[in-house]
């Protein structure tokens, strides 16, 4: 979501491959990964909102029918309120 908008199903393996294509040294729990992507945070939020809206338009209500999907952006927006 930080780099591109996707609306086709992705596996975890697919996601990691796409991330490594953009960020070759990526590995799970990479120490400073947050700081490397923070400048793309708002791109990710907008892409996630767009994806959620597309699911709503298609009538996808069950989480199992939403791939790709993420609601992490809602948590990020809420947590940002405490940083100001």
N, C-alpha and C. Protein backbone atom coordinates (compact mmCIF):
# COMPACT_ATOMS: atom_id res chain seq x y z
N UNK A 1 0.82 -1.19 0.00
CA UNK A 1 0.00 0.00 0.00
C UNK A 1 0.86 1.26 0.00
N UNK A 2 2.06 1.15 0.52
CA UNK A 2 2.94 2.31 0.58
C UNK A 2 3.48 2.73 -0.78
N UNK A 3 3.46 1.81 -1.73
CA UNK A 3 4.02 2.10 -3.05
C UNK A 3 2.99 2.09 -4.16
N UNK A 4 2.08 1.12 -4.12
CA UNK A 4 1.13 0.93 -5.21
C UNK A 4 -0.23 0.54 -4.67
N UNK A 5 -1.24 0.79 -5.48
CA UNK A 5 -2.59 0.34 -5.16
C UNK A 5 -2.79 -1.02 -5.81
N UNK A 6 -3.28 -1.99 -5.05
CA UNK A 6 -3.57 -3.32 -5.57
C UNK A 6 -5.03 -3.64 -5.34
N UNK A 7 -5.65 -4.27 -6.32
CA UNK A 7 -7.03 -4.71 -6.13
C UNK A 7 -7.21 -6.17 -6.56
N UNK A 8 -6.10 -6.88 -6.65
CA UNK A 8 -6.14 -8.31 -6.97
C UNK A 8 -5.64 -9.09 -5.76
N UNK A 9 -6.13 -10.30 -5.55
CA UNK A 9 -5.73 -11.08 -4.38
C UNK A 9 -4.22 -11.28 -4.30
N UNK A 10 -3.72 -11.20 -3.07
CA UNK A 10 -2.29 -11.38 -2.80
C UNK A 10 -2.14 -12.32 -1.61
N UNK A 11 -1.15 -13.19 -1.69
CA UNK A 11 -0.80 -14.01 -0.54
C UNK A 11 0.26 -13.26 0.26
N UNK A 12 0.55 -13.73 1.45
CA UNK A 12 1.62 -13.13 2.24
C UNK A 12 2.93 -13.20 1.47
N UNK A 13 3.16 -14.34 0.82
CA UNK A 13 4.38 -14.52 0.03
C UNK A 13 4.45 -13.48 -1.09
N UNK A 14 3.32 -13.22 -1.76
CA UNK A 14 3.26 -12.20 -2.82
C UNK A 14 3.62 -10.82 -2.27
N UNK A 15 3.07 -10.51 -1.11
CA UNK A 15 3.32 -9.19 -0.49
C UNK A 15 4.79 -9.02 -0.16
N UNK A 16 5.38 -10.04 0.42
CA UNK A 16 6.80 -9.96 0.79
C UNK A 16 7.66 -9.82 -0.46
N UNK A 17 7.32 -10.55 -1.52
CA UNK A 17 8.09 -10.43 -2.77
C UNK A 17 8.00 -9.02 -3.33
N UNK A 18 6.80 -8.46 -3.36
CA UNK A 18 6.63 -7.10 -3.87
C UNK A 18 7.40 -6.10 -3.02
N UNK A 19 7.39 -6.30 -1.72
CA UNK A 19 8.13 -5.41 -0.82
C UNK A 19 9.63 -5.54 -1.05
N UNK A 20 10.12 -6.76 -1.20
CA UNK A 20 11.56 -6.96 -1.44
C UNK A 20 11.99 -6.43 -2.79
N UNK A 21 11.07 -6.40 -3.76
CA UNK A 21 11.40 -5.79 -5.05
C UNK A 21 11.70 -4.31 -4.89
N UNK A 22 11.01 -3.67 -3.98
CA UNK A 22 11.20 -2.23 -3.72
C UNK A 22 12.25 -1.96 -2.65
N UNK A 23 12.41 -2.90 -1.76
CA UNK A 23 13.26 -2.71 -0.57
C UNK A 23 14.01 -4.02 -0.33
N UNK A 24 15.05 -4.30 -1.13
CA UNK A 24 15.72 -5.60 -1.12
C UNK A 24 16.23 -6.10 0.23
N UNK A 25 16.57 -5.22 1.14
CA UNK A 25 17.11 -5.69 2.43
C UNK A 25 16.02 -5.95 3.46
N UNK A 26 14.75 -5.88 3.05
CA UNK A 26 13.65 -6.11 3.98
C UNK A 26 13.70 -7.51 4.58
N UNK A 27 13.40 -7.57 5.87
CA UNK A 27 13.15 -8.83 6.55
C UNK A 27 12.19 -8.52 7.69
N UNK A 28 11.45 -9.52 8.12
CA UNK A 28 10.47 -9.34 9.19
C UNK A 28 11.14 -8.75 10.42
N UNK A 29 10.46 -7.80 11.06
CA UNK A 29 10.96 -7.13 12.27
C UNK A 29 12.25 -6.36 12.02
N UNK A 30 12.44 -5.90 10.80
CA UNK A 30 13.60 -5.10 10.45
C UNK A 30 13.61 -3.86 11.33
N UNK A 31 14.71 -3.59 11.99
CA UNK A 31 14.83 -2.56 13.02
C UNK A 31 14.25 -1.19 12.69
N UNK A 32 14.65 -0.60 11.59
CA UNK A 32 14.22 0.78 11.31
C UNK A 32 13.23 0.86 10.15
N UNK A 33 12.47 -0.20 9.93
CA UNK A 33 11.55 -0.22 8.80
C UNK A 33 10.53 0.92 8.89
N UNK A 34 10.08 1.26 10.08
CA UNK A 34 9.12 2.36 10.22
C UNK A 34 9.70 3.65 9.64
N UNK A 35 10.92 3.97 9.99
CA UNK A 35 11.52 5.23 9.56
C UNK A 35 11.81 5.24 8.06
N UNK A 36 12.00 4.08 7.48
CA UNK A 36 12.25 4.00 6.04
C UNK A 36 10.99 4.23 5.22
N UNK A 37 9.81 3.96 5.82
CA UNK A 37 8.56 4.07 5.08
C UNK A 37 7.65 5.19 5.58
N UNK A 38 8.02 5.88 6.62
CA UNK A 38 7.13 6.88 7.21
C UNK A 38 6.72 7.96 6.20
N UNK A 39 7.59 8.29 5.27
CA UNK A 39 7.24 9.31 4.29
C UNK A 39 6.19 8.83 3.29
N UNK A 40 5.91 7.54 3.27
CA UNK A 40 4.90 6.97 2.39
C UNK A 40 3.61 6.61 3.14
N UNK A 41 3.55 7.01 4.39
CA UNK A 41 2.41 6.66 5.24
C UNK A 41 1.09 7.14 4.66
N UNK A 42 1.04 8.36 4.17
CA UNK A 42 -0.23 8.90 3.69
C UNK A 42 -0.64 8.29 2.35
N UNK A 43 0.32 7.87 1.55
CA UNK A 43 0.01 7.12 0.33
C UNK A 43 -0.66 5.81 0.71
N UNK A 44 -0.10 5.12 1.72
CA UNK A 44 -0.65 3.85 2.17
C UNK A 44 -2.06 4.03 2.72
N UNK A 45 -2.27 5.08 3.48
CA UNK A 45 -3.60 5.34 4.05
C UNK A 45 -4.61 5.58 2.93
N UNK A 46 -4.27 6.39 1.96
CA UNK A 46 -5.20 6.66 0.86
C UNK A 46 -5.47 5.40 0.03
N UNK A 47 -4.44 4.59 -0.21
CA UNK A 47 -4.66 3.35 -0.95
C UNK A 47 -5.54 2.38 -0.17
N UNK A 48 -5.36 2.31 1.14
CA UNK A 48 -6.18 1.42 1.97
C UNK A 48 -7.63 1.89 2.00
N UNK A 49 -7.86 3.18 2.08
CA UNK A 49 -9.22 3.72 2.04
C UNK A 49 -9.89 3.40 0.71
N UNK A 50 -9.14 3.59 -0.35
CA UNK A 50 -9.66 3.30 -1.70
C UNK A 50 -10.04 1.82 -1.80
N UNK A 51 -9.19 0.94 -1.29
CA UNK A 51 -9.46 -0.48 -1.32
C UNK A 51 -10.70 -0.82 -0.52
N UNK A 52 -10.83 -0.24 0.66
CA UNK A 52 -12.01 -0.48 1.50
C UNK A 52 -13.28 -0.03 0.78
N UNK A 53 -13.23 1.13 0.13
CA UNK A 53 -14.40 1.63 -0.61
C UNK A 53 -14.75 0.71 -1.77
N UNK A 54 -13.76 0.17 -2.45
CA UNK A 54 -14.03 -0.77 -3.55
C UNK A 54 -14.73 -2.02 -3.04
N UNK A 55 -14.31 -2.53 -1.90
CA UNK A 55 -14.97 -3.70 -1.32
C UNK A 55 -16.43 -3.39 -0.98
N UNK A 56 -16.68 -2.21 -0.44
CA UNK A 56 -18.05 -1.81 -0.11
C UNK A 56 -18.91 -1.74 -1.36
N UNK A 57 -18.37 -1.15 -2.43
CA UNK A 57 -19.11 -1.05 -3.70
C UNK A 57 -19.46 -2.43 -4.25
N UNK A 58 -18.57 -3.39 -4.05
CA UNK A 58 -18.77 -4.74 -4.57
C UNK A 58 -19.62 -5.60 -3.63
N UNK A 59 -19.98 -5.05 -2.48
CA UNK A 59 -20.79 -5.79 -1.52
C UNK A 59 -20.02 -6.80 -0.70
N UNK A 60 -18.71 -6.69 -0.69
CA UNK A 60 -17.88 -7.59 0.12
C UNK A 60 -17.97 -7.17 1.58
N UNK A 61 -18.64 -7.96 2.37
CA UNK A 61 -18.80 -7.62 3.78
C UNK A 61 -18.03 -8.54 4.70
N UNK A 62 -17.73 -9.74 4.24
CA UNK A 62 -17.00 -10.69 5.07
C UNK A 62 -15.49 -10.49 4.89
N UNK A 63 -14.74 -10.46 5.97
CA UNK A 63 -13.29 -10.31 5.84
C UNK A 63 -12.66 -11.35 4.90
N UNK A 64 -13.20 -12.56 4.88
CA UNK A 64 -12.64 -13.61 4.03
C UNK A 64 -12.83 -13.33 2.54
N UNK A 65 -13.73 -12.42 2.20
CA UNK A 65 -13.94 -12.07 0.79
C UNK A 65 -13.16 -10.83 0.39
N UNK A 66 -12.42 -10.27 1.32
CA UNK A 66 -11.67 -9.04 1.05
C UNK A 66 -10.17 -9.34 0.96
N UNK A 67 -9.71 -9.58 -0.24
CA UNK A 67 -8.28 -9.80 -0.46
C UNK A 67 -7.92 -9.10 -1.75
N UNK A 68 -7.06 -8.09 -1.64
CA UNK A 68 -6.36 -7.61 -0.45
C UNK A 68 -7.25 -6.72 0.41
N UNK A 69 -6.83 -6.56 1.64
CA UNK A 69 -7.58 -5.72 2.57
C UNK A 69 -6.72 -5.40 3.79
N UNK A 70 -6.93 -4.22 4.33
CA UNK A 70 -6.28 -3.84 5.58
C UNK A 70 -7.08 -2.72 6.23
N UNK A 71 -7.14 -2.76 7.52
CA UNK A 71 -7.76 -1.67 8.28
C UNK A 71 -6.74 -1.04 9.23
N UNK A 72 -5.48 -1.38 9.05
CA UNK A 72 -4.42 -0.83 9.89
C UNK A 72 -4.39 0.69 9.81
N UNK A 73 -4.77 1.22 8.67
CA UNK A 73 -4.76 2.68 8.52
C UNK A 73 -5.63 3.36 9.57
N UNK A 74 -6.72 2.72 10.00
CA UNK A 74 -7.58 3.31 11.02
C UNK A 74 -6.85 3.42 12.35
N UNK A 75 -6.07 2.42 12.67
CA UNK A 75 -5.26 2.44 13.90
C UNK A 75 -4.21 3.54 13.81
N UNK A 76 -3.55 3.67 12.66
CA UNK A 76 -2.53 4.70 12.47
C UNK A 76 -3.14 6.09 12.66
N UNK A 77 -4.30 6.31 12.08
CA UNK A 77 -4.96 7.62 12.21
C UNK A 77 -5.29 7.91 13.68
N UNK A 78 -5.79 6.92 14.39
CA UNK A 78 -6.11 7.12 15.81
C UNK A 78 -4.85 7.38 16.64
N UNK A 79 -3.80 6.62 16.39
CA UNK A 79 -2.57 6.79 17.17
C UNK A 79 -1.91 8.14 16.90
N UNK A 80 -2.04 8.64 15.69
CA UNK A 80 -1.45 9.95 15.36
C UNK A 80 -2.03 11.07 16.20
N UNK A 81 -3.25 10.91 16.65
CA UNK A 81 -3.88 11.93 17.48
C UNK A 81 -3.11 12.16 18.77
N UNK A 82 -2.43 11.13 19.24
CA UNK A 82 -1.69 11.21 20.49
C UNK A 82 -0.27 11.76 20.28
N UNK A 83 0.15 11.88 19.04
CA UNK A 83 1.48 12.38 18.74
C UNK A 83 1.53 13.89 18.57
N UNK A 84 0.36 14.51 18.52
CA UNK A 84 0.31 15.95 18.27
C UNK A 84 0.28 16.74 19.53
